[in-house]
PDB file of N, CA and C in Angstrom:
ATOM      1  N   UNK A   1     -38.904 -13.408 -14.256  1.00  0.00           N
ATOM      2  CA  UNK A   1     -37.776 -13.044 -13.419  1.00  0.00           C
ATOM      3  C   UNK A   1     -36.507 -13.711 -13.918  1.00  0.00           C
ATOM      4  N   UNK A   2     -36.597 -14.998 -14.311  1.00  0.00           N
ATOM      5  CA  UNK A   2     -35.394 -15.688 -14.763  1.00  0.00           C
ATOM      6  C   UNK A   2     -34.897 -15.124 -16.093  1.00  0.00           C
ATOM      7  N   UNK A   3     -35.801 -14.628 -16.939  1.00  0.00           N
ATOM      8  CA  UNK A   3     -35.391 -14.009 -18.200  1.00  0.00           C
ATOM      9  C   UNK A   3     -34.599 -12.733 -17.956  1.00  0.00           C
ATOM     10  N   UNK A   4     -35.035 -11.962 -16.990  1.00  0.00           N
ATOM     11  CA  UNK A   4     -34.310 -10.739 -16.622  1.00  0.00           C
ATOM     12  C   UNK A   4     -32.943 -11.070 -16.058  1.00  0.00           C
ATOM     13  N   UNK A   5     -32.882 -12.094 -15.227  1.00  0.00           N
ATOM     14  CA  UNK A   5     -31.609 -12.512 -14.638  1.00  0.00           C
ATOM     15  C   UNK A   5     -30.644 -13.010 -15.709  1.00  0.00           C
ATOM     16  N   UNK A   6     -31.161 -13.795 -16.677  1.00  0.00           N
ATOM     17  CA  UNK A   6     -30.310 -14.272 -17.766  1.00  0.00           C
ATOM     18  C   UNK A   6     -29.780 -13.121 -18.608  1.00  0.00           C
ATOM     19  N   UNK A   7     -30.609 -12.120 -18.856  1.00  0.00           N
ATOM     20  CA  UNK A   7     -30.184 -10.960 -19.647  1.00  0.00           C
ATOM     21  C   UNK A   7     -29.097 -10.186 -18.920  1.00  0.00           C
ATOM     22  N   UNK A   8     -29.275 -10.006 -17.627  1.00  0.00           N
ATOM     23  CA  UNK A   8     -28.275  -9.266 -16.853  1.00  0.00           C
ATOM     24  C   UNK A   8     -26.946 -10.014 -16.802  1.00  0.00           C
ATOM     25  N   UNK A   9     -26.984 -11.312 -16.583  1.00  0.00           N
ATOM     26  CA  UNK A   9     -25.739 -12.078 -16.508  1.00  0.00           C
ATOM     27  C   UNK A   9     -25.071 -12.188 -17.865  1.00  0.00           C
ATOM     28  N   UNK A  10     -25.851 -12.255 -18.931  1.00  0.00           N
ATOM     29  CA  UNK A  10     -25.267 -12.326 -20.270  1.00  0.00           C
ATOM     30  C   UNK A  10     -24.522 -11.046 -20.609  1.00  0.00           C
ATOM     31  N   UNK A  11     -25.030  -9.920 -20.127  1.00  0.00           N
ATOM     32  CA  UNK A  11     -24.353  -8.646 -20.407  1.00  0.00           C
ATOM     33  C   UNK A  11     -23.194  -8.392 -19.452  1.00  0.00           C
ATOM     34  N   UNK A  12     -23.304  -8.859 -18.226  1.00  0.00           N
ATOM     35  CA  UNK A  12     -22.280  -8.567 -17.218  1.00  0.00           C
ATOM     36  C   UNK A  12     -21.105  -9.533 -17.282  1.00  0.00           C
ATOM     37  N   UNK A  13     -21.328 -10.769 -17.712  1.00  0.00           N
ATOM     38  CA  UNK A  13     -20.275 -11.777 -17.683  1.00  0.00           C
ATOM     39  C   UNK A  13     -19.047 -11.404 -18.518  1.00  0.00           C
ATOM     40  N   UNK A  14     -19.193 -10.944 -19.767  1.00  0.00           N
ATOM     41  CA  UNK A  14     -17.972 -10.581 -20.525  1.00  0.00           C
ATOM     42  C   UNK A  14     -17.199  -9.428 -19.891  1.00  0.00           C
ATOM     43  N   UNK A  15     -17.914  -8.497 -19.291  1.00  0.00           N
ATOM     44  CA  UNK A  15     -17.248  -7.358 -18.654  1.00  0.00           C
ATOM     45  C   UNK A  15     -16.463  -7.813 -17.436  1.00  0.00           C
ATOM     46  N   UNK A  16     -17.017  -8.738 -16.679  1.00  0.00           N
ATOM     47  CA  UNK A  16     -16.343  -9.205 -15.473  1.00  0.00           C
ATOM     48  C   UNK A  16     -15.149 -10.098 -15.788  1.00  0.00           C
ATOM     49  N   UNK A  17     -15.124 -10.708 -16.931  1.00  0.00           N
ATOM     50  CA  UNK A  17     -14.011 -11.588 -17.280  1.00  0.00           C
ATOM     51  C   UNK A  17     -12.789 -10.820 -17.758  1.00  0.00           C
ATOM     52  N   UNK A  18     -12.981  -9.624 -18.306  1.00  0.00           N
ATOM     53  CA  UNK A  18     -11.860  -8.833 -18.808  1.00  0.00           C
ATOM     54  C   UNK A  18     -11.103  -8.202 -17.646  1.00  0.00           C
ATOM     55  N   UNK A  19      -9.788  -8.069 -17.788  1.00  0.00           N
ATOM     56  CA  UNK A  19      -9.040  -7.380 -16.722  1.00  0.00           C
ATOM     57  C   UNK A  19      -9.429  -5.901 -16.678  1.00  0.00           C
ATOM     58  N   UNK A  20      -9.559  -5.379 -15.482  1.00  0.00           N
ATOM     59  CA  UNK A  20     -10.006  -3.998 -15.307  1.00  0.00           C
ATOM     60  C   UNK A  20      -8.930  -3.003 -15.746  1.00  0.00           C
ATOM     61  N   UNK A  21      -7.686  -3.273 -15.405  1.00  0.00           N
ATOM     62  CA  UNK A  21      -6.602  -2.362 -15.735  1.00  0.00           C
ATOM     63  C   UNK A  21      -5.489  -3.168 -16.382  1.00  0.00           C
ATOM     64  N   UNK A  22      -5.055  -2.704 -17.522  1.00  0.00           N
ATOM     65  CA  UNK A  22      -3.926  -3.355 -18.166  1.00  0.00           C
ATOM     66  C   UNK A  22      -2.647  -2.755 -17.621  1.00  0.00           C
ATOM     67  N   UNK A  23      -1.754  -3.592 -17.140  1.00  0.00           N
ATOM     68  CA  UNK A  23      -0.509  -3.109 -16.549  1.00  0.00           C
ATOM     69  C   UNK A  23       0.653  -3.490 -17.442  1.00  0.00           C
ATOM     70  N   UNK A  24       1.529  -2.543 -17.630  1.00  0.00           N
ATOM     71  CA  UNK A  24       2.744  -2.816 -18.382  1.00  0.00           C
ATOM     72  C   UNK A  24       3.934  -2.548 -17.473  1.00  0.00           C
ATOM     73  N   UNK A  25       4.874  -3.452 -17.482  1.00  0.00           N
ATOM     74  CA  UNK A  25       6.073  -3.262 -16.678  1.00  0.00           C
ATOM     75  C   UNK A  25       7.071  -2.442 -17.479  1.00  0.00           C
ATOM     76  N   UNK A  26       7.659  -1.475 -16.835  1.00  0.00           N
ATOM     77  CA  UNK A  26       8.697  -0.700 -17.500  1.00  0.00           C
ATOM     78  C   UNK A  26      10.050  -1.253 -17.045  1.00  0.00           C
ATOM     79  N   UNK A  27      10.804  -1.747 -17.976  1.00  0.00           N
ATOM     80  CA  UNK A  27      12.084  -2.366 -17.671  1.00  0.00           C
ATOM     81  C   UNK A  27      13.219  -1.431 -18.065  1.00  0.00           C
ATOM     82  N   UNK A  28      14.200  -1.354 -17.202  1.00  0.00           N
ATOM     83  CA  UNK A  28      15.391  -0.564 -17.492  1.00  0.00           C
ATOM     84  C   UNK A  28      16.572  -1.515 -17.570  1.00  0.00           C
ATOM     85  N   UNK A  29      17.314  -1.451 -18.659  1.00  0.00           N
ATOM     86  CA  UNK A  29      18.389  -2.416 -18.857  1.00  0.00           C
ATOM     87  C   UNK A  29      19.761  -1.850 -18.545  1.00  0.00           C
ATOM     88  N   UNK A  30      19.843  -0.570 -18.240  1.00  0.00           N
ATOM     89  CA  UNK A  30      21.156   0.000 -17.937  1.00  0.00           C
ATOM     90  C   UNK A  30      21.286   0.246 -16.432  1.00  0.00           C
ATOM     91  N   UNK A  31      22.503   0.351 -15.930  1.00  0.00           N
ATOM     92  CA  UNK A  31      22.695   0.595 -14.481  1.00  0.00           C
ATOM     93  C   UNK A  31      22.228   1.995 -14.103  1.00  0.00           C
ATOM     94  N   UNK A  32      21.994   2.231 -12.814  1.00  0.00           N
ATOM     95  CA  UNK A  32      21.534   3.550 -12.383  1.00  0.00           C
ATOM     96  C   UNK A  32      22.590   4.625 -12.626  1.00  0.00           C
ATOM     97  N   UNK A  33      22.128   5.867 -12.757  1.00  0.00           N
ATOM     98  CA  UNK A  33      23.040   6.977 -13.018  1.00  0.00           C
ATOM     99  C   UNK A  33      23.920   7.266 -11.806  1.00  0.00           C
ATOM    100  N   UNK A  34      23.309   7.288 -10.630  1.00  0.00           N
ATOM    101  CA  UNK A  34      24.053   7.581  -9.396  1.00  0.00           C
ATOM    102  C   UNK A  34      23.932   6.405  -8.443  1.00  0.00           C
ATOM    103  N   UNK A  35      25.038   6.035  -7.819  1.00  0.00           N
ATOM    104  CA  UNK A  35      24.997   4.969  -6.826  1.00  0.00           C
ATOM    105  C   UNK A  35      24.642   5.564  -5.473  1.00  0.00           C
ATOM    106  N   UNK A  36      23.912   4.799  -4.686  1.00  0.00           N
ATOM    107  CA  UNK A  36      23.521   5.230  -3.348  1.00  0.00           C
ATOM    108  C   UNK A  36      24.591   4.758  -2.375  1.00  0.00           C
ATOM    109  N   UNK A  37      25.122   5.686  -1.619  1.00  0.00           N
ATOM    110  CA  UNK A  37      26.188   5.375  -0.679  1.00  0.00           C
ATOM    111  C   UNK A  37      25.667   4.794   0.624  1.00  0.00           C
ATOM    112  N   UNK A  38      26.584   4.335   1.485  1.00  0.00           N
ATOM    113  CA  UNK A  38      26.162   3.748   2.765  1.00  0.00           C
ATOM    114  C   UNK A  38      25.502   4.760   3.696  1.00  0.00           C
ATOM    115  N   UNK A  39      25.941   6.017   3.662  1.00  0.00           N
ATOM    116  CA  UNK A  39      25.330   7.032   4.519  1.00  0.00           C
ATOM    117  C   UNK A  39      23.876   7.273   4.113  1.00  0.00           C
ATOM    118  N   UNK A  40      23.623   7.395   2.817  1.00  0.00           N
ATOM    119  CA  UNK A  40      22.253   7.597   2.345  1.00  0.00           C
ATOM    120  C   UNK A  40      21.372   6.394   2.659  1.00  0.00           C
ATOM    121  N   UNK A  41      21.951   5.206   2.577  1.00  0.00           N
ATOM    122  CA  UNK A  41      21.209   3.993   2.909  1.00  0.00           C
ATOM    123  C   UNK A  41      20.830   3.988   4.381  1.00  0.00           C
ATOM    124  N   UNK A  42      21.760   4.330   5.251  1.00  0.00           N
ATOM    125  CA  UNK A  42      21.476   4.367   6.699  1.00  0.00           C
ATOM    126  C   UNK A  42      20.422   5.419   7.030  1.00  0.00           C
ATOM    127  N   UNK A  43      20.512   6.575   6.390  1.00  0.00           N
ATOM    128  CA  UNK A  43      19.524   7.630   6.631  1.00  0.00           C
ATOM    129  C   UNK A  43      18.146   7.167   6.165  1.00  0.00           C
ATOM    130  N   UNK A  44      18.089   6.505   5.017  1.00  0.00           N
ATOM    131  CA  UNK A  44      16.815   5.988   4.522  1.00  0.00           C
ATOM    132  C   UNK A  44      16.203   4.970   5.450  1.00  0.00           C
ATOM    133  N   UNK A  45      17.011   4.013   5.932  1.00  0.00           N
ATOM    134  CA  UNK A  45      16.510   3.016   6.874  1.00  0.00           C
ATOM    135  C   UNK A  45      16.042   3.668   8.171  1.00  0.00           C
ATOM    136  N   UNK A  46      16.782   4.666   8.634  1.00  0.00           N
ATOM    137  CA  UNK A  46      16.393   5.350   9.875  1.00  0.00           C
ATOM    138  C   UNK A  46      15.062   6.078   9.703  1.00  0.00           C
ATOM    139  N   UNK A  47      14.860   6.725   8.568  1.00  0.00           N
ATOM    140  CA  UNK A  47      13.609   7.450   8.336  1.00  0.00           C
ATOM    141  C   UNK A  47      12.420   6.492   8.234  1.00  0.00           C
ATOM    142  N   UNK A  48      12.608   5.371   7.533  1.00  0.00           N
ATOM    143  CA  UNK A  48      11.526   4.383   7.453  1.00  0.00           C
ATOM    144  C   UNK A  48      11.211   3.808   8.831  1.00  0.00           C
ATOM    145  N   UNK A  49      12.242   3.520   9.613  1.00  0.00           N
ATOM    146  CA  UNK A  49      12.020   2.979  10.958  1.00  0.00           C
ATOM    147  C   UNK A  49      11.282   3.987  11.828  1.00  0.00           C
ATOM    148  N   UNK A  50      11.679   5.236  11.742  1.00  0.00           N
ATOM    149  CA  UNK A  50      11.016   6.277  12.524  1.00  0.00           C
ATOM    150  C   UNK A  50       9.567   6.447  12.091  1.00  0.00           C
ATOM    151  N   UNK A  51       9.317   6.384  10.790  1.00  0.00           N
ATOM    152  CA  UNK A  51       7.946   6.547  10.296  1.00  0.00           C
ATOM    153  C   UNK A  51       7.052   5.389  10.721  1.00  0.00           C
ATOM    154  N   UNK A  52       7.621   4.194  10.822  1.00  0.00           N
ATOM    155  CA  UNK A  52       6.813   3.030  11.178  1.00  0.00           C
ATOM    156  C   UNK A  52       6.712   2.872  12.698  1.00  0.00           C
ATOM    157  N   UNK A  53       7.826   3.001  13.399  1.00  0.00           N
ATOM    158  CA  UNK A  53       7.844   2.749  14.839  1.00  0.00           C
ATOM    159  C   UNK A  53       7.544   3.985  15.684  1.00  0.00           C
ATOM    160  N   UNK A  54       7.685   5.168  15.130  1.00  0.00           N
ATOM    161  CA  UNK A  54       7.473   6.398  15.888  1.00  0.00           C
ATOM    162  C   UNK A  54       6.071   6.536  16.467  1.00  0.00           C
ATOM    163  N   UNK A  55       5.021   6.424  15.648  1.00  0.00           N
ATOM    164  CA  UNK A  55       3.663   6.582  16.203  1.00  0.00           C
ATOM    165  C   UNK A  55       3.309   5.536  17.265  1.00  0.00           C
ATOM    166  N   UNK A  56       3.714   4.296  17.040  1.00  0.00           N
ATOM    167  CA  UNK A  56       3.403   3.273  18.044  1.00  0.00           C
ATOM    168  C   UNK A  56       4.189   3.518  19.327  1.00  0.00           C
ATOM    169  N   UNK A  57       5.417   3.984  19.216  1.00  0.00           N
ATOM    170  CA  UNK A  57       6.198   4.328  20.406  1.00  0.00           C
ATOM    171  C   UNK A  57       5.581   5.480  21.168  1.00  0.00           C
ATOM    172  N   UNK A  58       5.045   6.452  20.436  1.00  0.00           N
ATOM    173  CA  UNK A  58       4.381   7.588  21.072  1.00  0.00           C
ATOM    174  C   UNK A  58       3.164   7.121  21.872  1.00  0.00           C
ATOM    175  N   UNK A  59       2.363   6.260  21.279  1.00  0.00           N
ATOM    176  CA  UNK A  59       1.168   5.766  21.965  1.00  0.00           C
ATOM    177  C   UNK A  59       1.568   4.973  23.197  1.00  0.00           C
ATOM    178  N   UNK A  60       2.567   4.115  23.086  1.00  0.00           N
ATOM    179  CA  UNK A  60       2.992   3.324  24.238  1.00  0.00           C
ATOM    180  C   UNK A  60       3.583   4.202  25.335  1.00  0.00           C
ATOM    181  N   UNK A  61       4.289   5.257  24.968  1.00  0.00           N
ATOM    182  CA  UNK A  61       4.871   6.142  25.964  1.00  0.00           C
ATOM    183  C   UNK A  61       3.805   6.943  26.713  1.00  0.00           C
ATOM    184  N   UNK A  62       2.680   7.221  26.059  1.00  0.00           N
ATOM    185  CA  UNK A  62       1.619   8.022  26.677  1.00  0.00           C
ATOM    186  C   UNK A  62       0.389   7.183  27.015  1.00  0.00           C
ATOM    187  N   UNK A  63       0.574   5.900  27.193  1.00  0.00           N
ATOM    188  CA  UNK A  63      -0.544   4.987  27.435  1.00  0.00           C
ATOM    189  C   UNK A  63      -1.298   5.326  28.722  1.00  0.00           C
ATOM    190  N   UNK A  64      -0.590   5.698  29.761  1.00  0.00           N
ATOM    191  CA  UNK A  64      -1.253   6.019  31.030  1.00  0.00           C
ATOM    192  C   UNK A  64      -2.143   7.253  30.890  1.00  0.00           C
ATOM    193  N   UNK A  65      -1.702   8.233  30.100  1.00  0.00           N
ATOM    194  CA  UNK A  65      -2.523   9.424  29.891  1.00  0.00           C
ATOM    195  C   UNK A  65      -3.791   9.076  29.134  1.00  0.00           C
ATOM    196  N   UNK A  66      -3.666   8.188  28.148  1.00  0.00           N
ATOM    197  CA  UNK A  66      -4.835   7.772  27.372  1.00  0.00           C
ATOM    198  C   UNK A  66      -5.808   6.983  28.232  1.00  0.00           C
ATOM    199  N   UNK A  67      -5.278   6.198  29.172  1.00  0.00           N
ATOM    200  CA  UNK A  67      -6.167   5.438  30.069  1.00  0.00           C
ATOM    201  C   UNK A  67      -6.952   6.381  30.958  1.00  0.00           C
ATOM    202  N   UNK A  68      -6.294   7.451  31.439  1.00  0.00           N
ATOM    203  CA  UNK A  68      -6.970   8.412  32.324  1.00  0.00           C
ATOM    204  C   UNK A  68      -8.073   9.170  31.564  1.00  0.00           C
ATOM    205  N   UNK A  69      -7.828   9.484  30.283  1.00  0.00           N
ATOM    206  CA  UNK A  69      -8.837  10.207  29.494  1.00  0.00           C
ATOM    207  C   UNK A  69     -10.059   9.346  29.229  1.00  0.00           C
ATOM    208  N   UNK A  70      -9.867   8.045  29.043  1.00  0.00           N
ATOM    209  CA  UNK A  70     -10.980   7.142  28.725  1.00  0.00           C
ATOM    210  C   UNK A  70     -11.828   6.860  29.951  1.00  0.00           C
ATOM    211  N   UNK A  71     -11.240   6.901  31.128  1.00  0.00           N
ATOM    212  CA  UNK A  71     -11.987   6.537  32.347  1.00  0.00           C
ATOM    213  C   UNK A  71     -12.782   7.686  32.906  1.00  0.00           C
TER     214      UNK A  71
END
């Protein structure tokens, strides 16, 4: 049994030590082509806020209905 275990660990150890995915960072050294204005920034923040807070607000607003369905 120990011989089998040694064989398995000898084969698996080098594979486990290597990184699974090699990542390369892509760097851009020049400024962006188009600047983002304040209106676009506000719209972006509003959409992210709605996407994150919207579902939880919906659940909290309808909490009494959910309680009635569970009981």
